[in-house]
Amino acid sequence: MGLPGGLVNQGETLKQSAIREVKEELGINIKILKQSKTIHECPKTKEFPISAINILFYAKISKGKPEPKDETQEVKWFSPKQIKKMKLAYTHKNILKKEGLI
């Protein structure tokens, strides 16, 4: 399990990329509220063999209901207490901690 996201396409802004990725993965339109001031490093691993950075965007749903799309198997909402006990993909749990969300 993990947060929606992905790589930025050539010629795309970070904001455009976030909007596109959420649309591709959850089938919804979002309105970006703010961008995190923190850049989260994501080191190479076997499951993600490139170095990357994660930049969080805070957003609200502007149209649609989240549902699984191409790369997504299921969509669920969790409380911060539940997330603390979960295993998340990549460095997503650490990112949520650093953002003060869990």
N, C-alpha and C. Protein backbone atom coordinates (compact mmCIF):
# COMPACT_ATOMS: atom_id res chain seq x y z
N MET A 1 0.85 -1.18 0.00
CA MET A 1 0.00 0.00 0.00
C MET A 1 0.88 1.23 0.00
N GLY A 2 0.36 2.27 -0.60
CA GLY A 2 1.14 3.49 -0.64
C GLY A 2 0.32 4.67 -1.12
N LEU A 3 0.98 5.78 -1.17
CA LEU A 3 0.36 7.03 -1.60
C LEU A 3 0.35 7.10 -3.13
N PRO A 4 -0.63 7.77 -3.72
CA PRO A 4 -0.60 7.94 -5.17
C PRO A 4 0.57 8.84 -5.56
N GLY A 5 1.14 8.58 -6.71
CA GLY A 5 2.24 9.41 -7.17
C GLY A 5 2.97 8.76 -8.32
N GLY A 6 4.02 9.41 -8.76
CA GLY A 6 4.79 8.86 -9.86
C GLY A 6 5.84 9.84 -10.32
N LEU A 7 6.35 9.58 -11.50
CA LEU A 7 7.43 10.39 -12.05
C LEU A 7 6.88 11.56 -12.86
N VAL A 8 7.65 12.62 -12.88
CA VAL A 8 7.28 13.81 -13.64
C VAL A 8 7.66 13.59 -15.10
N ASN A 9 6.73 13.85 -16.00
CA ASN A 9 7.01 13.75 -17.43
C ASN A 9 7.76 14.98 -17.91
N GLN A 10 8.54 14.81 -18.96
CA GLN A 10 9.27 15.94 -19.53
C GLN A 10 8.28 17.04 -19.93
N GLY A 11 8.59 18.28 -19.54
CA GLY A 11 7.76 19.42 -19.87
C GLY A 11 6.62 19.67 -18.89
N GLU A 12 6.48 18.81 -17.89
CA GLU A 12 5.42 18.93 -16.89
C GLU A 12 5.92 19.68 -15.67
N THR A 13 5.07 20.47 -15.04
CA THR A 13 5.42 21.04 -13.74
C THR A 13 5.15 19.99 -12.67
N LEU A 14 5.66 20.20 -11.48
CA LEU A 14 5.39 19.28 -10.37
C LEU A 14 3.89 19.20 -10.10
N LYS A 15 3.23 20.33 -10.11
CA LYS A 15 1.79 20.39 -9.86
C LYS A 15 1.03 19.62 -10.94
N GLN A 16 1.37 19.83 -12.19
CA GLN A 16 0.71 19.11 -13.29
C GLN A 16 0.91 17.60 -13.15
N SER A 17 2.09 17.21 -12.75
CA SER A 17 2.39 15.80 -12.56
C SER A 17 1.53 15.19 -11.45
N ALA A 18 1.40 15.89 -10.34
CA ALA A 18 0.58 15.40 -9.22
C ALA A 18 -0.87 15.23 -9.65
N ILE A 19 -1.40 16.21 -10.35
CA ILE A 19 -2.78 16.15 -10.82
C ILE A 19 -2.97 14.98 -11.78
N ARG A 20 -2.03 14.80 -12.71
CA ARG A 20 -2.12 13.70 -13.69
C ARG A 20 -2.01 12.34 -13.01
N GLU A 21 -1.05 12.19 -12.10
CA GLU A 21 -0.85 10.90 -11.44
C GLU A 21 -2.08 10.48 -10.63
N VAL A 22 -2.69 11.41 -9.91
CA VAL A 22 -3.88 11.09 -9.12
C VAL A 22 -5.03 10.71 -10.06
N LYS A 23 -5.16 11.40 -11.17
CA LYS A 23 -6.20 11.08 -12.15
C LYS A 23 -5.97 9.66 -12.71
N GLU A 24 -4.72 9.35 -13.06
CA GLU A 24 -4.39 8.03 -13.61
C GLU A 24 -4.63 6.91 -12.61
N GLU A 25 -4.26 7.14 -11.35
CA GLU A 25 -4.31 6.09 -10.35
C GLU A 25 -5.64 5.96 -9.63
N LEU A 26 -6.38 7.07 -9.50
CA LEU A 26 -7.63 7.04 -8.73
C LEU A 26 -8.85 7.49 -9.51
N GLY A 27 -8.64 8.02 -10.72
CA GLY A 27 -9.76 8.44 -11.55
C GLY A 27 -10.49 9.67 -11.07
N ILE A 28 -9.82 10.52 -10.31
CA ILE A 28 -10.46 11.73 -9.79
C ILE A 28 -9.69 12.98 -10.20
N ASN A 29 -10.38 14.10 -10.18
CA ASN A 29 -9.74 15.40 -10.35
C ASN A 29 -9.50 15.97 -8.96
N ILE A 30 -8.36 16.63 -8.81
CA ILE A 30 -8.04 17.25 -7.52
C ILE A 30 -7.72 18.73 -7.72
N LYS A 31 -7.90 19.47 -6.65
CA LYS A 31 -7.47 20.86 -6.59
C LYS A 31 -6.33 20.92 -5.59
N ILE A 32 -5.17 21.35 -6.03
CA ILE A 32 -4.01 21.46 -5.15
C ILE A 32 -4.24 22.62 -4.18
N LEU A 33 -4.07 22.32 -2.89
CA LEU A 33 -4.20 23.34 -1.85
C LEU A 33 -2.85 23.96 -1.50
N LYS A 34 -1.83 23.10 -1.39
CA LYS A 34 -0.48 23.59 -1.10
C LYS A 34 0.53 22.50 -1.40
N GLN A 35 1.76 22.94 -1.56
CA GLN A 35 2.89 22.03 -1.76
C GLN A 35 3.71 22.01 -0.48
N SER A 36 4.13 20.83 -0.06
CA SER A 36 4.98 20.72 1.12
C SER A 36 6.29 21.47 0.88
N LYS A 37 6.84 22.04 1.91
CA LYS A 37 8.13 22.73 1.81
C LYS A 37 9.29 21.74 1.93
N THR A 38 8.98 20.50 2.31
CA THR A 38 10.00 19.48 2.53
C THR A 38 10.17 18.61 1.29
N ILE A 39 11.42 18.36 0.93
CA ILE A 39 11.73 17.42 -0.13
C ILE A 39 12.19 16.14 0.55
N HIS A 40 11.52 15.04 0.24
CA HIS A 40 11.81 13.76 0.88
C HIS A 40 12.62 12.91 -0.10
N GLU A 41 13.81 12.50 0.33
CA GLU A 41 14.66 11.66 -0.51
C GLU A 41 14.18 10.22 -0.47
N CYS A 42 14.25 9.56 -1.59
CA CYS A 42 13.86 8.15 -1.71
C CYS A 42 15.06 7.40 -2.30
N PRO A 43 15.83 6.72 -1.46
CA PRO A 43 17.02 6.03 -1.97
C PRO A 43 16.67 4.83 -2.84
N LYS A 44 17.64 4.41 -3.64
CA LYS A 44 17.47 3.22 -4.49
C LYS A 44 17.18 2.00 -3.63
N THR A 45 16.28 1.16 -4.12
CA THR A 45 16.00 -0.14 -3.50
C THR A 45 15.80 -1.15 -4.61
N LYS A 46 15.63 -2.41 -4.25
CA LYS A 46 15.34 -3.44 -5.27
C LYS A 46 14.03 -3.14 -5.98
N GLU A 47 13.01 -2.71 -5.21
CA GLU A 47 11.70 -2.45 -5.83
C GLU A 47 11.64 -1.12 -6.57
N PHE A 48 12.56 -0.20 -6.27
CA PHE A 48 12.61 1.09 -6.94
C PHE A 48 14.07 1.42 -7.22
N PRO A 49 14.61 0.95 -8.36
CA PRO A 49 16.06 0.99 -8.60
C PRO A 49 16.64 2.33 -9.08
N ILE A 50 15.95 3.43 -8.84
CA ILE A 50 16.51 4.74 -9.16
C ILE A 50 16.43 5.64 -7.94
N SER A 51 17.34 6.59 -7.84
CA SER A 51 17.25 7.59 -6.78
C SER A 51 16.16 8.58 -7.17
N ALA A 52 15.37 9.00 -6.21
CA ALA A 52 14.27 9.91 -6.50
C ALA A 52 14.03 10.82 -5.30
N ILE A 53 13.22 11.82 -5.53
CA ILE A 53 12.74 12.66 -4.43
C ILE A 53 11.22 12.64 -4.47
N ASN A 54 10.62 12.80 -3.31
CA ASN A 54 9.17 12.87 -3.19
C ASN A 54 8.80 14.27 -2.71
N ILE A 55 7.86 14.88 -3.40
CA ILE A 55 7.36 16.19 -3.01
C ILE A 55 5.86 16.04 -2.82
N LEU A 56 5.39 16.26 -1.60
CA LEU A 56 3.97 16.09 -1.30
C LEU A 56 3.16 17.31 -1.66
N PHE A 57 1.97 17.04 -2.16
CA PHE A 57 0.98 18.08 -2.41
C PHE A 57 -0.24 17.76 -1.56
N TYR A 58 -0.77 18.77 -0.94
CA TYR A 58 -2.02 18.64 -0.21
C TYR A 58 -3.12 19.08 -1.17
N ALA A 59 -4.17 18.28 -1.27
CA ALA A 59 -5.21 18.55 -2.26
C ALA A 59 -6.56 18.11 -1.74
N LYS A 60 -7.60 18.55 -2.46
CA LYS A 60 -8.94 18.06 -2.17
C LYS A 60 -9.54 17.56 -3.47
N ILE A 61 -10.46 16.63 -3.35
CA ILE A 61 -11.13 16.08 -4.52
C ILE A 61 -12.08 17.15 -5.08
N SER A 62 -11.93 17.45 -6.37
CA SER A 62 -12.83 18.42 -6.99
C SER A 62 -13.88 17.74 -7.88
N LYS A 63 -13.59 16.50 -8.30
CA LYS A 63 -14.56 15.78 -9.11
C LYS A 63 -14.25 14.29 -9.09
N GLY A 64 -15.30 13.50 -8.87
CA GLY A 64 -15.17 12.06 -8.93
C GLY A 64 -15.10 11.40 -7.57
N LYS A 65 -15.09 10.08 -7.60
CA LYS A 65 -14.96 9.26 -6.41
C LYS A 65 -13.76 8.33 -6.62
N PRO A 66 -12.82 8.32 -5.68
CA PRO A 66 -11.62 7.49 -5.87
C PRO A 66 -11.97 6.02 -6.07
N GLU A 67 -11.38 5.45 -7.10
CA GLU A 67 -11.54 4.02 -7.36
C GLU A 67 -10.29 3.51 -8.07
N PRO A 68 -10.01 2.21 -7.95
CA PRO A 68 -8.79 1.67 -8.56
C PRO A 68 -8.76 1.87 -10.07
N LYS A 69 -7.61 2.28 -10.56
CA LYS A 69 -7.37 2.43 -12.00
C LYS A 69 -6.14 1.59 -12.36
N ASP A 70 -5.47 1.94 -13.45
CA ASP A 70 -4.38 1.15 -14.03
C ASP A 70 -3.42 0.49 -13.03
N GLU A 71 -2.77 1.29 -12.21
CA GLU A 71 -1.72 0.78 -11.32
C GLU A 71 -2.22 0.51 -9.90
N THR A 72 -3.49 0.73 -9.66
CA THR A 72 -4.04 0.65 -8.31
C THR A 72 -4.95 -0.56 -8.16
N GLN A 73 -4.76 -1.32 -7.07
CA GLN A 73 -5.58 -2.51 -6.85
C GLN A 73 -6.83 -2.20 -6.04
N GLU A 74 -6.70 -1.32 -5.05
CA GLU A 74 -7.86 -0.94 -4.26
C GLU A 74 -7.62 0.42 -3.62
N VAL A 75 -8.70 1.07 -3.23
CA VAL A 75 -8.64 2.38 -2.60
C VAL A 75 -9.38 2.30 -1.28
N LYS A 76 -8.73 2.75 -0.22
CA LYS A 76 -9.36 2.77 1.11
C LYS A 76 -8.89 4.00 1.87
N TRP A 77 -9.69 4.41 2.82
CA TRP A 77 -9.34 5.50 3.72
C TRP A 77 -8.92 4.90 5.05
N PHE A 78 -7.88 5.46 5.68
CA PHE A 78 -7.38 4.98 6.96
C PHE A 78 -7.16 6.14 7.91
N SER A 79 -7.33 5.86 9.19
CA SER A 79 -7.04 6.87 10.21
C SER A 79 -5.52 6.89 10.44
N PRO A 80 -5.00 7.99 10.99
CA PRO A 80 -3.57 8.03 11.31
C PRO A 80 -3.16 6.87 12.23
N LYS A 81 -4.01 6.50 13.17
CA LYS A 81 -3.71 5.39 14.08
C LYS A 81 -3.54 4.08 13.30
N GLN A 82 -4.40 3.84 12.33
CA GLN A 82 -4.30 2.63 11.51
C GLN A 82 -3.04 2.65 10.65
N ILE A 83 -2.72 3.81 10.09
CA ILE A 83 -1.55 3.93 9.22
C ILE A 83 -0.27 3.64 9.99
N LYS A 84 -0.21 4.06 11.25
CA LYS A 84 0.99 3.82 12.07
C LYS A 84 1.32 2.33 12.18
N LYS A 85 0.32 1.47 12.10
CA LYS A 85 0.51 0.02 12.24
C LYS A 85 0.75 -0.69 10.90
N MET A 86 0.61 0.03 9.80
CA MET A 86 0.68 -0.57 8.47
C MET A 86 2.09 -0.55 7.90
N LYS A 87 2.31 -1.46 6.95
CA LYS A 87 3.53 -1.42 6.15
C LYS A 87 3.16 -0.71 4.85
N LEU A 88 3.85 0.38 4.54
CA LEU A 88 3.58 1.13 3.33
C LEU A 88 4.74 0.97 2.34
N ALA A 89 4.46 1.22 1.08
CA ALA A 89 5.46 1.11 0.02
C ALA A 89 6.54 2.19 0.17
N TYR A 90 7.70 1.85 -0.37
CA TYR A 90 8.83 2.78 -0.45
C TYR A 90 9.08 3.45 0.89
N THR A 91 9.18 4.76 0.94
CA THR A 91 9.42 5.50 2.18
C THR A 91 8.18 6.29 2.60
N HIS A 92 7.00 5.83 2.17
CA HIS A 92 5.77 6.59 2.39
C HIS A 92 5.46 6.79 3.88
N LYS A 93 5.68 5.78 4.71
CA LYS A 93 5.39 5.95 6.14
C LYS A 93 6.30 7.02 6.75
N ASN A 94 7.56 7.00 6.39
CA ASN A 94 8.50 7.99 6.89
C ASN A 94 8.12 9.40 6.43
N ILE A 95 7.65 9.51 5.21
CA ILE A 95 7.21 10.81 4.68
C ILE A 95 6.02 11.33 5.49
N LEU A 96 5.05 10.46 5.75
CA LEU A 96 3.88 10.88 6.54
C LEU A 96 4.27 11.31 7.95
N LYS A 97 5.26 10.62 8.53
CA LYS A 97 5.75 11.01 9.86
C LYS A 97 6.41 12.38 9.80
N LYS A 98 7.31 12.58 8.82
CA LYS A 98 8.02 13.86 8.71
C LYS A 98 7.06 15.01 8.42
N GLU A 99 5.96 14.74 7.75
CA GLU A 99 4.96 15.77 7.46
C GLU A 99 4.06 16.03 8.67
N GLY A 100 4.19 15.19 9.71
CA GLY A 100 3.36 15.36 10.91
C GLY A 100 1.95 14.86 10.74
N LEU A 101 1.74 13.95 9.78
CA LEU A 101 0.41 13.44 9.51
C LEU A 101 0.09 12.16 10.27
N ILE A 102 1.12 11.48 10.72
CA ILE A 102 0.92 10.30 11.59
C ILE A 102 1.91 10.38 12.74
